Amino acid sequence: MDDQFLNKIYQHIEDNLDNEHYSVADLSRHAGLSRSMLHRKLIKLTGKSATFLITVNERIIKEHIPIWSGLYFTKSIPSEPLVFREMGNGYYADWKMGDKVWVSGIPLGAAVIHRSIMQVCWDEAEEYEINGMKMRRVFETPIRMWEDAKTKTWQTSIGTEDLPWCDRLKQNGIYRKAGWPEYQKKTYPILCDTGVFCKHINPDGTIYPSQGEENFFIKKSKHEN
């Protein structure tokens, strides 16, 4: 029943991609639910709101964007926005809350990726086996090891897989192979929609940004408007 309900929702959204006036109200009427009931049911089944699902489909299909992400911040104090243009040079800060920013790297926790991109990554990934099950190394966590000359011990630094993966898309021609040649040519091929604001949550319940760091970008928005 849940699968039938979600298929009905997804189909209605897709059928209305060319309807510029399409809204959550239209979707709730089609589902036969109030907006609040629809919101609760979609959150329960998908973890996403109706507004988010409509935006996801518009971006991928109507706007023809293969990868886009919402905005979220690091789990640190101070917390920094995970918006990157030049790898290794810290976060990119020339934007205000609500802007759509073209970037070279994003975190994957709030990312929407077209299946064609993932298919090429899967096809080209190294195959390995765990407990008799064949897997593919689509994402790889970077690990660096070195010997500390002072302590005579081995040190390990473990990064995250998101930025190296974004870099590989360009370096390995994944956009072109997946049928998105115009994005292969772009310096900044990924869209970050800072109007979709997500938050990081630690297992202990701490929510980031925890010190109101996002207010700097909100104030920029109000000041410029």
N, C-alpha and C. Protein backbone atom coordinates (compact mmCIF):
# COMPACT_ATOMS: atom_id res chain seq x y z
N MET A 1 0.82 -1.20 0.00
CA MET A 1 0.00 0.00 0.00
C MET A 1 0.86 1.26 0.00
N ASP A 2 1.93 1.23 0.80
CA ASP A 2 2.81 2.40 0.86
C ASP A 2 3.48 2.64 -0.48
N ASP A 3 3.90 1.54 -1.15
CA ASP A 3 4.54 1.67 -2.46
C ASP A 3 3.56 2.25 -3.48
N GLN A 4 2.31 1.80 -3.42
CA GLN A 4 1.30 2.32 -4.34
C GLN A 4 1.06 3.81 -4.10
N PHE A 5 1.04 4.18 -2.85
CA PHE A 5 0.83 5.59 -2.50
C PHE A 5 1.97 6.44 -3.03
N LEU A 6 3.22 6.00 -2.81
CA LEU A 6 4.38 6.77 -3.26
C LEU A 6 4.44 6.83 -4.79
N ASN A 7 4.12 5.73 -5.46
CA ASN A 7 4.11 5.75 -6.92
C ASN A 7 3.09 6.75 -7.44
N LYS A 8 1.94 6.82 -6.77
CA LYS A 8 0.90 7.77 -7.13
C LYS A 8 1.39 9.21 -6.97
N ILE A 9 2.11 9.46 -5.87
CA ILE A 9 2.67 10.79 -5.60
C ILE A 9 3.71 11.16 -6.65
N TYR A 10 4.66 10.24 -6.89
CA TYR A 10 5.74 10.52 -7.84
C TYR A 10 5.19 10.76 -9.24
N GLN A 11 4.21 9.97 -9.65
CA GLN A 11 3.66 10.10 -10.98
C GLN A 11 2.96 11.45 -11.15
N HIS A 12 2.23 11.87 -10.11
CA HIS A 12 1.52 13.15 -10.19
C HIS A 12 2.50 14.31 -10.29
N ILE A 13 3.59 14.23 -9.55
CA ILE A 13 4.62 15.28 -9.62
C ILE A 13 5.20 15.32 -11.03
N GLU A 14 5.54 14.15 -11.58
CA GLU A 14 6.14 14.10 -12.92
C GLU A 14 5.17 14.60 -13.98
N ASP A 15 3.88 14.29 -13.82
CA ASP A 15 2.88 14.73 -14.80
C ASP A 15 2.70 16.25 -14.80
N ASN A 16 3.16 16.91 -13.74
CA ASN A 16 2.94 18.36 -13.62
C ASN A 16 4.23 19.17 -13.72
N LEU A 17 5.27 18.58 -14.30
CA LEU A 17 6.54 19.29 -14.39
C LEU A 17 6.43 20.57 -15.23
N ASP A 18 5.52 20.57 -16.18
CA ASP A 18 5.36 21.75 -17.04
C ASP A 18 4.34 22.74 -16.50
N ASN A 19 3.78 22.43 -15.35
CA ASN A 19 2.78 23.31 -14.72
C ASN A 19 3.48 24.25 -13.74
N GLU A 20 3.70 25.48 -14.15
CA GLU A 20 4.45 26.41 -13.32
C GLU A 20 3.70 26.82 -12.05
N HIS A 21 2.40 26.55 -12.01
CA HIS A 21 1.60 26.89 -10.83
C HIS A 21 1.40 25.70 -9.89
N TYR A 22 2.03 24.58 -10.22
CA TYR A 22 1.87 23.37 -9.42
C TYR A 22 2.42 23.58 -8.01
N SER A 23 1.68 23.08 -7.01
CA SER A 23 2.07 23.33 -5.63
C SER A 23 1.74 22.13 -4.75
N VAL A 24 2.14 22.22 -3.49
CA VAL A 24 1.83 21.18 -2.51
C VAL A 24 0.32 21.03 -2.36
N ALA A 25 -0.40 22.13 -2.49
CA ALA A 25 -1.87 22.07 -2.37
C ALA A 25 -2.45 21.17 -3.45
N ASP A 26 -1.93 21.26 -4.68
CA ASP A 26 -2.40 20.40 -5.76
C ASP A 26 -2.11 18.93 -5.46
N LEU A 27 -0.91 18.68 -4.95
CA LEU A 27 -0.52 17.31 -4.64
C LEU A 27 -1.37 16.73 -3.51
N SER A 28 -1.66 17.54 -2.51
CA SER A 28 -2.46 17.05 -1.38
C SER A 28 -3.89 16.74 -1.82
N ARG A 29 -4.44 17.56 -2.73
CA ARG A 29 -5.78 17.28 -3.25
C ARG A 29 -5.79 15.96 -4.03
N HIS A 30 -4.75 15.73 -4.82
CA HIS A 30 -4.65 14.49 -5.59
C HIS A 30 -4.54 13.28 -4.65
N ALA A 31 -3.84 13.45 -3.54
CA ALA A 31 -3.65 12.35 -2.58
C ALA A 31 -4.87 12.15 -1.68
N GLY A 32 -5.76 13.14 -1.68
CA GLY A 32 -6.94 13.05 -0.82
C GLY A 32 -6.63 13.27 0.64
N LEU A 33 -5.57 14.06 0.89
CA LEU A 33 -5.14 14.33 2.26
C LEU A 33 -4.97 15.83 2.45
N SER A 34 -5.07 16.28 3.69
CA SER A 34 -4.75 17.67 3.97
C SER A 34 -3.25 17.86 3.82
N ARG A 35 -2.82 19.10 3.71
CA ARG A 35 -1.39 19.36 3.54
C ARG A 35 -0.59 18.83 4.73
N SER A 36 -1.11 19.02 5.93
CA SER A 36 -0.39 18.56 7.13
C SER A 36 -0.33 17.04 7.18
N MET A 37 -1.43 16.36 6.80
CA MET A 37 -1.43 14.90 6.79
C MET A 37 -0.49 14.36 5.73
N LEU A 38 -0.47 15.01 4.55
CA LEU A 38 0.45 14.60 3.49
C LEU A 38 1.89 14.77 3.93
N HIS A 39 2.18 15.89 4.57
CA HIS A 39 3.53 16.16 5.06
C HIS A 39 3.97 15.06 6.04
N ARG A 40 3.11 14.74 7.00
CA ARG A 40 3.46 13.72 8.00
C ARG A 40 3.67 12.35 7.37
N LYS A 41 2.81 12.02 6.41
CA LYS A 41 2.93 10.70 5.78
C LYS A 41 4.19 10.59 4.94
N LEU A 42 4.53 11.64 4.18
CA LEU A 42 5.73 11.60 3.36
C LEU A 42 6.99 11.59 4.22
N ILE A 43 6.98 12.34 5.31
CA ILE A 43 8.13 12.32 6.22
C ILE A 43 8.33 10.93 6.80
N LYS A 44 7.23 10.28 7.14
CA LYS A 44 7.31 8.92 7.71
C LYS A 44 7.85 7.92 6.69
N LEU A 45 7.39 8.03 5.44
CA LEU A 45 7.75 7.05 4.42
C LEU A 45 9.08 7.33 3.74
N THR A 46 9.41 8.61 3.57
CA THR A 46 10.61 8.96 2.78
C THR A 46 11.62 9.81 3.54
N GLY A 47 11.17 10.43 4.63
CA GLY A 47 12.05 11.35 5.33
C GLY A 47 12.11 12.70 4.65
N LYS A 48 11.28 12.92 3.63
CA LYS A 48 11.30 14.16 2.85
C LYS A 48 9.90 14.77 2.82
N SER A 49 9.85 16.10 2.74
CA SER A 49 8.58 16.80 2.65
C SER A 49 8.08 16.83 1.22
N ALA A 50 6.80 17.18 1.02
CA ALA A 50 6.25 17.30 -0.32
C ALA A 50 6.98 18.38 -1.12
N THR A 51 7.28 19.49 -0.46
CA THR A 51 8.01 20.58 -1.13
C THR A 51 9.35 20.10 -1.65
N PHE A 52 10.05 19.32 -0.84
CA PHE A 52 11.36 18.81 -1.25
C PHE A 52 11.22 17.86 -2.44
N LEU A 53 10.23 16.98 -2.42
CA LEU A 53 10.05 16.03 -3.51
C LEU A 53 9.73 16.73 -4.83
N ILE A 54 8.92 17.78 -4.75
CA ILE A 54 8.60 18.55 -5.96
C ILE A 54 9.85 19.23 -6.50
N THR A 55 10.64 19.82 -5.60
CA THR A 55 11.87 20.51 -6.00
C THR A 55 12.87 19.53 -6.60
N VAL A 56 12.99 18.34 -6.01
CA VAL A 56 13.91 17.33 -6.52
C VAL A 56 13.60 17.01 -7.97
N ASN A 57 12.34 16.75 -8.27
CA ASN A 57 11.96 16.38 -9.63
C ASN A 57 12.14 17.53 -10.61
N GLU A 58 11.82 18.74 -10.17
CA GLU A 58 12.00 19.90 -11.05
C GLU A 58 13.46 20.09 -11.42
N ARG A 59 14.33 19.93 -10.44
CA ARG A 59 15.76 20.14 -10.70
C ARG A 59 16.31 19.12 -11.68
N ILE A 60 16.05 17.87 -11.41
CA ILE A 60 16.62 16.80 -12.20
C ILE A 60 16.02 16.74 -13.61
N ILE A 61 14.70 16.83 -13.69
CA ILE A 61 14.03 16.61 -14.98
C ILE A 61 13.78 17.92 -15.74
N LYS A 62 13.11 18.86 -15.08
CA LYS A 62 12.71 20.09 -15.77
C LYS A 62 13.90 21.02 -16.01
N GLU A 63 14.74 21.21 -14.99
CA GLU A 63 15.87 22.12 -15.12
C GLU A 63 17.11 21.43 -15.69
N HIS A 64 17.04 20.09 -15.83
CA HIS A 64 18.13 19.33 -16.47
C HIS A 64 19.46 19.54 -15.73
N ILE A 65 19.42 19.30 -14.43
CA ILE A 65 20.62 19.42 -13.59
C ILE A 65 20.94 18.04 -13.00
N PRO A 66 22.11 17.47 -13.31
CA PRO A 66 22.39 16.09 -12.89
C PRO A 66 22.70 15.92 -11.41
N ILE A 67 23.27 16.95 -10.78
CA ILE A 67 23.60 16.84 -9.35
C ILE A 67 23.32 18.17 -8.67
N TRP A 68 22.57 18.13 -7.60
CA TRP A 68 22.39 19.34 -6.80
C TRP A 68 22.30 18.96 -5.33
N SER A 69 22.53 19.93 -4.49
CA SER A 69 22.57 19.67 -3.05
C SER A 69 21.92 20.80 -2.28
N GLY A 70 21.40 20.46 -1.12
CA GLY A 70 20.99 21.47 -0.18
C GLY A 70 22.20 21.96 0.59
N LEU A 71 21.99 22.85 1.52
CA LEU A 71 23.09 23.44 2.30
C LEU A 71 23.13 22.83 3.69
N TYR A 72 24.31 22.41 4.11
CA TYR A 72 24.48 22.14 5.53
C TYR A 72 25.91 22.44 5.96
N PHE A 73 26.10 22.45 7.27
CA PHE A 73 27.34 22.92 7.88
C PHE A 73 28.10 21.77 8.53
N THR A 74 29.38 22.01 8.80
CA THR A 74 30.22 21.01 9.46
C THR A 74 29.78 20.78 10.90
N LYS A 75 30.09 19.58 11.39
CA LYS A 75 29.84 19.26 12.80
C LYS A 75 31.04 19.72 13.62
N SER A 76 31.13 21.03 13.80
CA SER A 76 32.26 21.61 14.51
C SER A 76 31.86 22.95 15.11
N ILE A 77 32.71 23.48 15.95
CA ILE A 77 32.52 24.82 16.51
C ILE A 77 33.81 25.60 16.28
N PRO A 78 33.78 26.70 15.49
CA PRO A 78 32.60 27.17 14.76
C PRO A 78 32.25 26.24 13.60
N SER A 79 30.99 26.25 13.22
CA SER A 79 30.51 25.42 12.13
C SER A 79 30.64 26.18 10.81
N GLU A 80 31.14 25.50 9.78
CA GLU A 80 31.37 26.15 8.50
C GLU A 80 30.46 25.56 7.42
N PRO A 81 29.99 26.39 6.48
CA PRO A 81 29.13 25.88 5.41
C PRO A 81 29.91 24.98 4.46
N LEU A 82 29.30 23.86 4.08
CA LEU A 82 29.95 22.92 3.19
C LEU A 82 29.64 23.28 1.73
N VAL A 83 30.27 24.37 1.30
CA VAL A 83 30.12 24.89 -0.06
C VAL A 83 31.53 25.10 -0.61
N PHE A 84 31.90 24.38 -1.66
CA PHE A 84 33.29 24.40 -2.12
C PHE A 84 33.40 24.73 -3.61
N ARG A 85 34.36 25.58 -3.91
CA ARG A 85 34.67 25.88 -5.31
C ARG A 85 36.08 25.42 -5.68
N GLU A 86 37.05 25.74 -4.86
CA GLU A 86 38.42 25.33 -5.12
C GLU A 86 38.81 24.32 -4.04
N MET A 87 39.07 23.09 -4.46
CA MET A 87 39.40 22.03 -3.52
C MET A 87 40.65 22.39 -2.72
N GLY A 88 40.56 22.22 -1.41
CA GLY A 88 41.71 22.45 -0.55
C GLY A 88 41.88 23.87 -0.09
N ASN A 89 40.98 24.78 -0.52
CA ASN A 89 41.10 26.19 -0.14
C ASN A 89 40.02 26.65 0.84
N GLY A 90 39.40 25.72 1.54
CA GLY A 90 38.36 26.10 2.48
C GLY A 90 37.04 26.34 1.78
N TYR A 91 36.03 26.70 2.56
CA TYR A 91 34.71 26.86 1.97
C TYR A 91 34.58 28.18 1.19
N TYR A 92 33.64 28.19 0.26
CA TYR A 92 33.34 29.36 -0.56
C TYR A 92 32.28 30.18 0.17
N ALA A 93 32.52 31.48 0.34
CA ALA A 93 31.65 32.29 1.20
C ALA A 93 30.92 33.42 0.48
N ASP A 94 31.12 33.57 -0.82
CA ASP A 94 30.52 34.70 -1.52
C ASP A 94 29.09 34.38 -1.96
N TRP A 95 28.21 34.23 -1.02
CA TRP A 95 26.80 33.95 -1.29
C TRP A 95 25.99 34.36 -0.06
N LYS A 96 24.69 34.43 -0.24
CA LYS A 96 23.79 34.72 0.88
C LYS A 96 22.70 33.65 0.91
N MET A 97 22.09 33.48 2.07
CA MET A 97 21.09 32.44 2.24
C MET A 97 19.96 32.59 1.22
N GLY A 98 19.66 31.48 0.55
CA GLY A 98 18.64 31.49 -0.49
C GLY A 98 19.22 31.48 -1.89
N ASP A 99 20.53 31.79 -2.04
CA ASP A 99 21.16 31.80 -3.35
C ASP A 99 21.31 30.37 -3.90
N LYS A 100 21.34 30.27 -5.20
CA LYS A 100 21.70 29.03 -5.88
C LYS A 100 23.13 29.22 -6.37
N VAL A 101 24.04 28.43 -5.84
CA VAL A 101 25.48 28.61 -6.06
C VAL A 101 26.05 27.43 -6.83
N TRP A 102 26.74 27.72 -7.93
CA TRP A 102 27.41 26.66 -8.69
C TRP A 102 28.78 26.41 -8.09
N VAL A 103 29.07 25.13 -7.80
CA VAL A 103 30.28 24.77 -7.07
C VAL A 103 30.96 23.56 -7.72
N SER A 104 32.14 23.23 -7.21
CA SER A 104 32.87 22.06 -7.72
C SER A 104 32.75 20.88 -6.78
N GLY A 105 32.37 21.14 -5.52
CA GLY A 105 32.29 20.05 -4.56
C GLY A 105 31.20 20.27 -3.54
N ILE A 106 30.53 19.20 -3.15
CA ILE A 106 29.48 19.25 -2.15
C ILE A 106 29.60 18.04 -1.22
N PRO A 107 29.04 18.12 -0.03
CA PRO A 107 28.90 16.93 0.79
C PRO A 107 27.75 16.10 0.24
N LEU A 108 27.74 14.82 0.51
CA LEU A 108 26.74 13.95 -0.10
C LEU A 108 25.51 13.72 0.76
N GLY A 109 25.50 14.25 1.97
CA GLY A 109 24.39 14.00 2.87
C GLY A 109 23.09 14.65 2.45
N ALA A 110 23.16 15.69 1.64
CA ALA A 110 21.93 16.38 1.19
C ALA A 110 21.93 16.50 -0.32
N ALA A 111 22.53 15.51 -1.00
CA ALA A 111 22.70 15.58 -2.46
C ALA A 111 21.65 14.75 -3.19
N VAL A 112 21.28 15.23 -4.36
CA VAL A 112 20.38 14.51 -5.27
C VAL A 112 21.17 14.26 -6.55
N ILE A 113 21.34 12.99 -6.93
CA ILE A 113 22.22 12.62 -8.04
C ILE A 113 21.44 11.83 -9.07
N HIS A 114 21.52 12.23 -10.33
CA HIS A 114 20.82 11.52 -11.40
C HIS A 114 21.36 10.10 -11.53
N ARG A 115 20.46 9.17 -11.78
CA ARG A 115 20.84 7.76 -11.86
C ARG A 115 21.92 7.50 -12.90
N SER A 116 21.91 8.23 -14.02
CA SER A 116 22.90 8.01 -15.08
C SER A 116 24.32 8.23 -14.57
N ILE A 117 24.49 9.21 -13.68
CA ILE A 117 25.81 9.48 -13.09
C ILE A 117 26.24 8.29 -12.25
N MET A 118 25.33 7.82 -11.39
CA MET A 118 25.66 6.71 -10.51
C MET A 118 25.92 5.43 -11.30
N GLN A 119 25.21 5.25 -12.42
CA GLN A 119 25.40 4.04 -13.22
C GLN A 119 26.81 3.97 -13.79
N VAL A 120 27.31 5.10 -14.32
CA VAL A 120 28.67 5.11 -14.87
C VAL A 120 29.69 4.88 -13.74
N CYS A 121 29.46 5.52 -12.59
CA CYS A 121 30.36 5.32 -11.45
C CYS A 121 30.39 3.86 -11.03
N TRP A 122 29.22 3.23 -11.03
CA TRP A 122 29.13 1.81 -10.67
C TRP A 122 29.85 0.94 -11.69
N ASP A 123 29.61 1.20 -12.96
CA ASP A 123 30.21 0.38 -14.02
C ASP A 123 31.74 0.45 -14.00
N GLU A 124 32.28 1.60 -13.63
CA GLU A 124 33.73 1.79 -13.68
C GLU A 124 34.42 1.51 -12.35
N ALA A 125 33.63 1.27 -11.30
CA ALA A 125 34.22 1.08 -9.97
C ALA A 125 34.88 -0.28 -9.82
N GLU A 126 35.91 -0.32 -8.98
CA GLU A 126 36.60 -1.57 -8.68
C GLU A 126 35.65 -2.54 -7.97
N GLU A 127 35.70 -3.78 -8.36
CA GLU A 127 34.85 -4.79 -7.73
C GLU A 127 35.60 -5.49 -6.61
N TYR A 128 34.92 -5.77 -5.52
CA TYR A 128 35.53 -6.52 -4.42
C TYR A 128 34.46 -7.38 -3.77
N GLU A 129 34.86 -8.23 -2.86
CA GLU A 129 33.93 -9.20 -2.28
C GLU A 129 33.97 -9.18 -0.76
N ILE A 130 32.80 -9.20 -0.14
CA ILE A 130 32.69 -9.28 1.31
C ILE A 130 31.71 -10.39 1.66
N ASN A 131 32.20 -11.40 2.38
CA ASN A 131 31.35 -12.53 2.79
C ASN A 131 30.61 -13.15 1.60
N GLY A 132 31.32 -13.27 0.49
CA GLY A 132 30.74 -13.89 -0.68
C GLY A 132 29.86 -12.98 -1.51
N MET A 133 29.69 -11.73 -1.08
CA MET A 133 28.84 -10.79 -1.81
C MET A 133 29.72 -9.83 -2.60
N LYS A 134 29.47 -9.73 -3.90
CA LYS A 134 30.25 -8.84 -4.76
C LYS A 134 29.76 -7.40 -4.60
N MET A 135 30.70 -6.49 -4.41
CA MET A 135 30.40 -5.08 -4.21
C MET A 135 31.22 -4.24 -5.20
N ARG A 136 30.90 -2.95 -5.27
CA ARG A 136 31.67 -2.01 -6.10
C ARG A 136 32.11 -0.83 -5.25
N ARG A 137 33.35 -0.39 -5.46
CA ARG A 137 33.90 0.71 -4.67
C ARG A 137 33.59 2.04 -5.37
N VAL A 138 32.30 2.42 -5.35
CA VAL A 138 31.88 3.67 -5.98
C VAL A 138 32.41 4.87 -5.20
N PHE A 139 32.34 4.79 -3.88
CA PHE A 139 32.87 5.84 -3.02
C PHE A 139 34.03 5.26 -2.23
N GLU A 140 35.06 6.06 -2.07
CA GLU A 140 36.23 5.58 -1.35
C GLU A 140 36.69 6.63 -0.36
N THR A 141 36.77 6.25 0.90
CA THR A 141 37.21 7.17 1.95
C THR A 141 38.73 7.32 1.89
N PRO A 142 39.24 8.54 1.70
CA PRO A 142 40.69 8.74 1.61
C PRO A 142 41.37 8.52 2.96
N ILE A 143 42.42 7.71 2.95
CA ILE A 143 43.17 7.43 4.18
C ILE A 143 44.65 7.71 3.92
N ARG A 144 45.25 8.48 4.81
CA ARG A 144 46.68 8.79 4.67
C ARG A 144 47.41 8.29 5.92
N MET A 145 48.52 7.59 5.70
CA MET A 145 49.31 7.07 6.83
C MET A 145 50.74 7.58 6.72
N TRP A 146 51.35 7.92 7.85
CA TRP A 146 52.73 8.38 7.87
C TRP A 146 53.36 8.08 9.23
N GLU A 147 54.69 8.05 9.24
CA GLU A 147 55.42 7.79 10.49
C GLU A 147 55.83 9.11 11.13
N ASP A 148 55.45 9.29 12.38
CA ASP A 148 55.83 10.47 13.14
C ASP A 148 57.28 10.32 13.60
N ALA A 149 58.13 11.22 13.10
CA ALA A 149 59.57 11.11 13.39
C ALA A 149 59.87 11.27 14.88
N LYS A 150 59.07 12.09 15.57
CA LYS A 150 59.34 12.33 17.00
C LYS A 150 58.94 11.16 17.88
N THR A 151 57.73 10.62 17.61
CA THR A 151 57.23 9.55 18.48
C THR A 151 57.55 8.16 17.96
N LYS A 152 58.04 8.10 16.71
CA LYS A 152 58.34 6.82 16.08
C LYS A 152 57.11 5.92 15.98
N THR A 153 55.95 6.55 15.78
CA THR A 153 54.70 5.79 15.65
C THR A 153 54.02 6.13 14.33
N TRP A 154 53.17 5.22 13.90
CA TRP A 154 52.42 5.46 12.67
C TRP A 154 51.16 6.26 12.99
N GLN A 155 50.91 7.29 12.17
CA GLN A 155 49.73 8.13 12.33
C GLN A 155 48.79 7.93 11.14
N THR A 156 47.52 8.07 11.39
CA THR A 156 46.51 7.87 10.35
C THR A 156 45.57 9.06 10.29
N SER A 157 45.28 9.51 9.08
CA SER A 157 44.31 10.58 8.87
C SER A 157 43.23 10.07 7.91
N ILE A 158 41.97 10.09 8.36
CA ILE A 158 40.87 9.60 7.55
C ILE A 158 39.97 10.76 7.16
N GLY A 159 39.76 10.94 5.86
CA GLY A 159 38.91 12.02 5.38
C GLY A 159 37.51 11.54 5.06
N THR A 160 36.80 12.31 4.24
CA THR A 160 35.47 11.91 3.79
C THR A 160 35.50 11.66 2.29
N GLU A 161 34.52 10.88 1.82
CA GLU A 161 34.55 10.45 0.43
C GLU A 161 33.93 11.46 -0.53
N ASP A 162 33.23 12.48 -0.01
CA ASP A 162 32.44 13.33 -0.88
C ASP A 162 33.25 14.18 -1.86
N LEU A 163 34.21 14.96 -1.36
CA LEU A 163 34.96 15.84 -2.26
C LEU A 163 35.83 15.08 -3.25
N PRO A 164 36.53 14.00 -2.83
CA PRO A 164 37.27 13.22 -3.83
C PRO A 164 36.36 12.64 -4.91
N TRP A 165 35.14 12.25 -4.53
CA TRP A 165 34.20 11.71 -5.51
C TRP A 165 33.79 12.80 -6.51
N CYS A 166 33.49 14.00 -6.00
CA CYS A 166 33.13 15.11 -6.89
C CYS A 166 34.26 15.41 -7.87
N ASP A 167 35.49 15.35 -7.38
CA ASP A 167 36.65 15.62 -8.22
C ASP A 167 36.81 14.54 -9.30
N ARG A 168 36.54 13.30 -8.95
CA ARG A 168 36.66 12.19 -9.91
C ARG A 168 35.66 12.33 -11.04
N LEU A 169 34.50 12.90 -10.77
CA LEU A 169 33.50 13.07 -11.83
C LEU A 169 34.06 13.87 -13.00
N LYS A 170 34.83 14.91 -12.68
CA LYS A 170 35.45 15.73 -13.72
C LYS A 170 36.67 15.03 -14.31
N GLN A 171 37.54 14.54 -13.44
CA GLN A 171 38.80 13.97 -13.88
C GLN A 171 38.60 12.75 -14.77
N ASN A 172 37.57 11.95 -14.48
CA ASN A 172 37.35 10.71 -15.22
C ASN A 172 36.29 10.84 -16.32
N GLY A 173 35.85 12.06 -16.57
CA GLY A 173 34.89 12.28 -17.65
C GLY A 173 33.53 11.66 -17.41
N ILE A 174 33.12 11.54 -16.15
CA ILE A 174 31.86 10.86 -15.82
C ILE A 174 30.65 11.60 -16.39
N TYR A 175 30.67 12.93 -16.31
CA TYR A 175 29.54 13.69 -16.86
C TYR A 175 29.33 13.38 -18.33
N ARG A 176 30.41 13.39 -19.09
CA ARG A 176 30.33 13.13 -20.53
C ARG A 176 29.83 11.71 -20.79
N LYS A 177 30.38 10.75 -20.08
CA LYS A 177 30.01 9.35 -20.28
C LYS A 177 28.55 9.09 -19.91
N ALA A 178 28.04 9.88 -18.96
CA ALA A 178 26.67 9.68 -18.49
C ALA A 178 25.65 10.45 -19.33
N GLY A 179 26.13 11.18 -20.34
CA GLY A 179 25.22 11.90 -21.22
C GLY A 179 24.98 13.35 -20.83
N TRP A 180 25.91 13.93 -20.06
CA TRP A 180 25.80 15.33 -19.65
C TRP A 180 27.06 16.09 -20.09
N PRO A 181 27.37 16.14 -21.39
CA PRO A 181 28.63 16.73 -21.87
C PRO A 181 28.77 18.21 -21.52
N GLU A 182 27.64 18.94 -21.44
CA GLU A 182 27.73 20.37 -21.11
C GLU A 182 28.24 20.58 -19.70
N TYR A 183 27.98 19.63 -18.81
CA TYR A 183 28.46 19.75 -17.43
C TYR A 183 29.92 19.34 -17.32
N GLN A 184 30.39 18.50 -18.23
CA GLN A 184 31.79 18.13 -18.25
C GLN A 184 32.66 19.36 -18.52
N LYS A 185 32.11 20.32 -19.27
CA LYS A 185 32.87 21.51 -19.64
C LYS A 185 32.82 22.60 -18.56
N LYS A 186 31.88 22.50 -17.64
CA LYS A 186 31.71 23.54 -16.63
C LYS A 186 32.83 23.50 -15.58
N THR A 187 33.28 24.69 -15.17
CA THR A 187 34.24 24.77 -14.07
C THR A 187 33.57 24.37 -12.76
N TYR A 188 32.32 24.79 -12.61
CA TYR A 188 31.55 24.47 -11.40
C TYR A 188 30.27 23.77 -11.83
N PRO A 189 30.28 22.43 -11.91
CA PRO A 189 29.17 21.69 -12.51
C PRO A 189 28.05 21.27 -11.55
N ILE A 190 28.19 21.59 -10.26
CA ILE A 190 27.21 21.12 -9.27
C ILE A 190 26.47 22.31 -8.66
N LEU A 191 25.16 22.19 -8.51
CA LEU A 191 24.37 23.26 -7.94
C LEU A 191 24.13 23.04 -6.45
N CYS A 192 24.41 24.07 -5.66
CA CYS A 192 24.08 24.06 -4.23
C CYS A 192 22.97 25.08 -4.01
N ASP A 193 21.81 24.60 -3.59
CA ASP A 193 20.68 25.48 -3.31
C ASP A 193 20.68 25.79 -1.82
N THR A 194 21.15 26.98 -1.46
CA THR A 194 21.25 27.33 -0.04
C THR A 194 19.89 27.62 0.58
N GLY A 195 18.85 27.61 -0.25
CA GLY A 195 17.50 27.77 0.29
C GLY A 195 16.97 26.49 0.89
N VAL A 196 17.63 25.35 0.58
CA VAL A 196 17.28 24.07 1.19
C VAL A 196 18.27 23.84 2.31
N PHE A 197 17.92 24.30 3.49
CA PHE A 197 18.84 24.32 4.63
C PHE A 197 18.65 23.09 5.50
N CYS A 198 19.67 22.25 5.54
CA CYS A 198 19.63 21.03 6.34
C CYS A 198 20.54 21.21 7.56
N LYS A 199 20.44 20.30 8.50
CA LYS A 199 21.28 20.40 9.70
C LYS A 199 21.93 19.06 10.01
N HIS A 200 23.13 19.14 10.57
CA HIS A 200 23.86 17.97 11.02
C HIS A 200 23.45 17.64 12.45
N ILE A 201 23.26 16.37 12.75
CA ILE A 201 22.89 15.97 14.11
C ILE A 201 23.84 14.87 14.58
N ASN A 202 24.45 15.08 15.73
CA ASN A 202 25.32 14.09 16.33
C ASN A 202 24.50 13.03 17.07
N PRO A 203 25.09 11.86 17.32
CA PRO A 203 24.37 10.83 18.08
C PRO A 203 23.93 11.31 19.47
N ASP A 204 24.63 12.30 20.03
CA ASP A 204 24.25 12.79 21.35
C ASP A 204 23.15 13.85 21.28
N GLY A 205 22.67 14.14 20.05
CA GLY A 205 21.57 15.08 19.90
C GLY A 205 22.00 16.51 19.59
N THR A 206 23.30 16.78 19.57
CA THR A 206 23.78 18.11 19.24
C THR A 206 23.49 18.43 17.78
N ILE A 207 22.89 19.59 17.53
CA ILE A 207 22.52 20.00 16.18
C ILE A 207 23.47 21.10 15.70
N TYR A 208 24.03 20.92 14.52
CA TYR A 208 24.94 21.91 13.93
C TYR A 208 24.31 22.55 12.69
N PRO A 209 24.52 23.88 12.50
CA PRO A 209 25.35 24.76 13.33
C PRO A 209 24.69 25.03 14.68
N SER A 210 25.52 24.98 15.74
CA SER A 210 24.99 25.08 17.10
C SER A 210 25.13 26.47 17.70
N GLN A 211 25.92 27.33 17.06
CA GLN A 211 26.16 28.66 17.60
C GLN A 211 25.55 29.76 16.73
N GLY A 212 24.63 29.41 15.86
CA GLY A 212 23.99 30.41 15.01
C GLY A 212 24.85 30.91 13.88
N GLU A 213 25.83 30.08 13.45
CA GLU A 213 26.74 30.51 12.38
C GLU A 213 26.01 30.84 11.08
N GLU A 214 24.85 30.21 10.86
CA GLU A 214 24.12 30.47 9.62
C GLU A 214 23.57 31.90 9.56
N ASN A 215 23.48 32.56 10.72
CA ASN A 215 22.92 33.91 10.76
C ASN A 215 23.74 34.91 9.96
N PHE A 216 25.04 34.65 9.83
CA PHE A 216 25.89 35.54 9.04
C PHE A 216 25.39 35.62 7.60
N PHE A 217 25.01 34.47 7.04
CA PHE A 217 24.56 34.41 5.66
C PHE A 217 23.11 34.88 5.53
N ILE A 218 22.33 34.70 6.59
CA ILE A 218 20.96 35.22 6.59
C ILE A 218 20.98 36.75 6.64
N LYS A 219 21.87 37.31 7.47
CA LYS A 219 21.98 38.76 7.57
C LYS A 219 22.44 39.37 6.25
N LYS A 220 23.35 38.68 5.56
CA LYS A 220 23.79 39.15 4.24
C LYS A 220 22.60 39.27 3.30
N SER A 221 21.73 38.27 3.36
CA SER A 221 20.56 38.26 2.50
C SER A 221 19.63 39.42 2.80
N LYS A 222 19.37 39.67 4.09
CA LYS A 222 18.47 40.76 4.48
C LYS A 222 19.08 42.11 4.14
N HIS A 223 20.41 42.21 4.31
CA HIS A 223 21.08 43.49 4.05
C HIS A 223 21.02 43.85 2.57
N GLU A 224 21.23 42.85 1.70
CA GLU A 224 21.24 43.11 0.26
C GLU A 224 19.84 43.34 -0.29
N ASN A 225 18.84 42.80 0.41
CA ASN A 225 17.47 43.02 -0.04
C ASN A 225 16.90 44.33 0.46
